[in-house]
Amino acid sequence: MRRSTESVSDWDSRDRDGQFQAFMGTATQRLYRVAYLLSGDAGEAEELTQSALVRTYTAWERVDGGDAYAYARRILVNLHSDWWRRLRRRERPVPQVPERTAAGRDPADTALERVGLAKALRALSRRERAVVVLRFYLDLTEQQTAAELGTALGTVKSATARALGKLRVNPDLSPLAEQKGAR
């Protein structure tokens, strides 16, 4: 009879890694989209997503059995807040508009909409942007948003009202509203 050289901790480690890999497969793109909306930059979104996944992995024993996506999303929001405090001002390159294609919707229009929306979101304060992304992109309730950000419900309500007021008058979004009305 051959004795196994693997210990119980090796099996536990494989099981843990397998569970985390399954989680990563389902959550990475969702976390990246949230990170992109929060940061407005693809490179920063990738870094935020990777950092959130690393921290989630190191705390996997505490997360296991709970809502792992909510845990990772909370880490991501906190990392963004930390990042925002460190890098308040930085230069952002503007991508070139792609060539027009013959069929379908013009990719330049789509790119212009994304750039306008990202620019409008960057004009909001850190808290306002986080509230808008959590409330309207992730479709969280006011209570869930308050819990996610660790703030009072009234703070979420007032930040939402201020952010929506700013977005309504933002000139970067007015061409989008005019185009949608004309179509």
Protein backbone atom coordinates (compact mmCIF):
# COMPACT_ATOMS: atom_id res chain seq x y z
CA MET A 1 0.00 0.00 0.00
CA ARG A 2 1.42 3.36 -1.03
CA ARG A 3 1.24 6.21 1.49
CA SER A 4 0.27 9.63 0.31
CA THR A 5 2.82 12.36 0.85
CA GLU A 6 0.17 15.05 0.64
CA SER A 7 -1.11 16.49 3.87
CA VAL A 8 -4.61 17.63 4.71
CA SER A 9 -3.50 21.26 4.45
CA ASP A 10 -2.46 20.63 0.81
CA TRP A 11 -6.01 19.48 0.02
CA ASP A 12 -7.49 22.45 1.89
CA SER A 13 -5.23 24.79 -0.07
CA ARG A 14 -6.30 23.25 -3.40
CA ASP A 15 -9.96 23.49 -2.44
CA ARG A 16 -9.50 27.12 -1.39
CA ASP A 17 -7.70 27.95 -4.63
CA GLY A 18 -10.37 26.19 -6.68
CA GLN A 19 -13.14 28.11 -4.95
CA PHE A 20 -11.33 31.39 -5.45
CA GLN A 21 -10.64 30.65 -9.12
CA ALA A 22 -14.34 29.94 -9.66
CA PHE A 23 -15.17 33.24 -7.94
CA MET A 24 -12.62 35.10 -10.08
CA GLY A 25 -14.14 33.64 -13.24
CA THR A 26 -17.52 35.10 -12.42
CA ALA A 27 -16.54 38.36 -10.72
CA THR A 28 -13.52 39.80 -12.52
CA GLN A 29 -15.38 41.48 -15.39
CA ARG A 30 -18.05 42.89 -13.06
CA LEU A 31 -15.41 44.31 -10.73
CA TYR A 32 -13.49 45.77 -13.68
CA ARG A 33 -16.61 47.57 -14.97
CA VAL A 34 -17.22 49.10 -11.55
CA ALA A 35 -13.54 50.10 -11.28
CA TYR A 36 -13.65 51.69 -14.73
CA LEU A 37 -16.75 53.69 -13.89
CA LEU A 38 -15.19 54.84 -10.64
CA SER A 39 -11.79 55.75 -12.09
CA GLY A 40 -12.60 56.65 -15.70
CA ASP A 41 -9.31 55.07 -16.80
CA ALA A 42 -8.78 51.53 -18.14
CA GLY A 43 -5.30 51.15 -16.67
CA GLU A 44 -6.36 52.32 -13.23
CA ALA A 45 -9.42 50.07 -13.44
CA GLU A 46 -7.19 47.05 -14.11
CA GLU A 47 -4.95 47.91 -11.16
CA LEU A 48 -7.91 48.46 -8.85
CA THR A 49 -9.48 45.16 -9.94
CA GLN A 50 -6.26 43.19 -9.45
CA SER A 51 -5.63 44.75 -6.04
CA ALA A 52 -9.19 44.03 -4.93
CA LEU A 53 -8.86 40.39 -6.03
CA VAL A 54 -5.52 39.99 -4.25
CA ARG A 55 -6.95 41.36 -1.01
CA THR A 56 -10.04 39.20 -1.36
CA TYR A 57 -7.84 36.12 -1.85
CA THR A 58 -5.81 36.87 1.28
CA ALA A 59 -9.05 37.14 3.28
CA TRP A 60 -10.80 34.21 1.58
CA GLU A 61 -11.36 32.25 4.83
CA ARG A 62 -13.38 35.18 6.21
CA VAL A 63 -15.25 35.66 2.94
CA ASP A 64 -16.06 32.00 2.28
CA GLY A 65 -19.74 31.44 2.97
CA GLY A 66 -20.56 35.15 2.70
CA ASP A 67 -21.16 37.35 -0.32
CA ALA A 68 -17.71 37.29 -1.88
CA TYR A 69 -18.63 39.72 -4.66
CA ALA A 70 -19.93 42.30 -2.18
CA TYR A 71 -16.75 41.86 -0.11
CA ALA A 72 -14.52 42.34 -3.17
CA ARG A 73 -16.59 45.30 -4.40
CA ARG A 74 -16.26 46.99 -1.02
CA ILE A 75 -12.49 46.53 -1.15
CA LEU A 76 -12.50 47.98 -4.66
CA VAL A 77 -14.44 51.07 -3.58
CA ASN A 78 -12.10 51.57 -0.62
CA LEU A 79 -9.02 51.17 -2.84
CA HIS A 80 -10.45 53.75 -5.23
CA SER A 81 -10.98 56.17 -2.35
CA ASP A 82 -7.38 55.67 -1.26
CA TRP A 83 -6.16 56.06 -4.85
CA TRP A 84 -8.20 59.23 -5.31
CA ARG A 85 -6.68 60.79 -2.19
CA ARG A 86 -3.15 60.07 -3.43
CA LEU A 87 -3.60 61.13 -7.05
CA ARG A 88 -5.93 64.10 -7.02
CA ARG A 89 -4.40 65.64 -10.10
CA ARG A 90 -2.89 63.79 -12.99
CA GLU A 91 -2.69 64.03 -16.74
CA ARG A 92 -5.07 61.89 -18.77
CA PRO A 93 -4.41 61.15 -22.43
CA VAL A 94 -7.38 61.40 -24.80
CA PRO A 95 -7.82 58.49 -27.21
CA GLN A 96 -8.14 59.13 -30.93
CA VAL A 97 -11.54 58.71 -32.55
CA PRO A 98 -11.64 55.45 -34.55
CA GLU A 99 -12.28 55.34 -38.31
CA ARG A 100 -15.90 55.29 -39.41
CA THR A 101 -17.22 51.87 -40.44
CA ALA A 102 -19.57 51.29 -43.36
CA ALA A 103 -22.28 49.33 -41.54
CA GLY A 104 -23.97 49.80 -38.20
CA ARG A 105 -23.57 52.53 -35.64
CA ASP A 106 -20.59 54.81 -35.97
CA PRO A 107 -17.96 53.74 -33.40
CA ALA A 108 -16.90 57.37 -33.10
CA ASP A 109 -20.36 58.24 -31.74
CA THR A 110 -20.11 55.43 -29.22
CA ALA A 111 -16.62 56.52 -28.20
CA LEU A 112 -17.78 60.12 -27.92
CA GLU A 113 -20.63 59.07 -25.63
CA ARG A 114 -18.26 57.07 -23.41
CA VAL A 115 -15.76 59.90 -23.24
CA GLY A 116 -18.51 62.41 -22.43
CA LEU A 117 -19.95 60.18 -19.72
CA ALA A 118 -16.53 59.48 -18.22
CA LYS A 119 -15.70 63.19 -18.28
CA ALA A 120 -19.02 64.05 -16.63
CA LEU A 121 -18.42 61.45 -13.91
CA ARG A 122 -14.91 62.81 -13.31
CA ALA A 123 -16.45 66.25 -12.72
CA LEU A 124 -18.28 64.85 -9.68
CA SER A 125 -16.68 64.60 -6.26
CA ARG A 126 -15.32 61.21 -5.17
CA ARG A 127 -18.34 60.53 -2.97
CA GLU A 128 -20.86 61.68 -5.60
CA ARG A 129 -19.25 59.49 -8.24
CA ALA A 130 -19.23 56.47 -5.94
CA VAL A 131 -22.89 57.02 -5.07
CA VAL A 132 -23.91 57.37 -8.75
CA VAL A 133 -21.99 54.23 -9.77
CA LEU A 134 -23.33 52.15 -6.89
CA ARG A 135 -26.91 53.40 -7.19
CA PHE A 136 -27.41 53.56 -10.93
CA TYR A 137 -24.84 51.23 -12.47
CA LEU A 138 -24.90 48.48 -9.85
CA ASP A 139 -28.57 49.15 -9.07
CA LEU A 140 -28.09 49.11 -5.29
CA THR A 141 -30.72 50.62 -3.02
CA GLU A 142 -29.98 53.72 -0.99
CA GLN A 143 -29.58 51.56 2.12
CA GLN A 144 -27.19 49.16 0.36
CA THR A 145 -25.18 52.10 -1.00
CA ALA A 146 -24.93 53.63 2.47
CA ALA A 147 -23.73 50.31 3.88
CA GLU A 148 -21.24 49.84 1.03
CA LEU A 149 -19.73 53.29 1.55
CA GLY A 150 -19.99 53.21 5.33
CA THR A 151 -22.02 56.45 5.42
CA ALA A 152 -25.42 57.52 6.67
CA LEU A 153 -28.52 57.10 4.51
CA GLY A 154 -29.04 60.88 4.46
CA THR A 155 -25.52 61.35 3.10
CA VAL A 156 -26.31 58.99 0.21
CA LYS A 157 -29.55 60.82 -0.54
CA SER A 158 -27.98 64.27 -0.52
CA ALA A 159 -24.94 63.13 -2.55
CA THR A 160 -27.26 61.54 -5.11
CA ALA A 161 -29.31 64.71 -5.42
CA ARG A 162 -26.21 66.89 -5.83
CA ALA A 163 -24.65 64.51 -8.36
CA LEU A 164 -27.78 64.25 -10.49
CA GLY A 165 -28.14 68.04 -10.41
CA LYS A 166 -24.58 68.43 -11.68
CA LEU A 167 -25.06 65.79 -14.36
CA ARG A 168 -28.26 67.42 -15.64
CA VAL A 169 -26.44 70.66 -16.44
CA ASN A 170 -23.13 69.12 -17.49
CA PRO A 171 -22.28 70.27 -21.04
CA ASP A 172 -20.46 66.99 -21.74
CA LEU A 173 -23.78 65.15 -21.48
CA SER A 174 -25.99 67.64 -23.34
CA PRO A 175 -24.99 66.38 -26.83
CA LEU A 176 -26.00 62.88 -25.73
CA ALA A 177 -29.44 64.06 -24.68
CA GLU A 178 -29.90 66.00 -27.93
CA GLN A 179 -28.87 62.97 -30.03
CA LYS A 180 -31.20 60.62 -28.18
CA GLY A 181 -34.10 63.07 -28.60
CA ALA A 182 -33.46 63.42 -32.34
CA ARG A 183 -33.39 59.66 -33.01
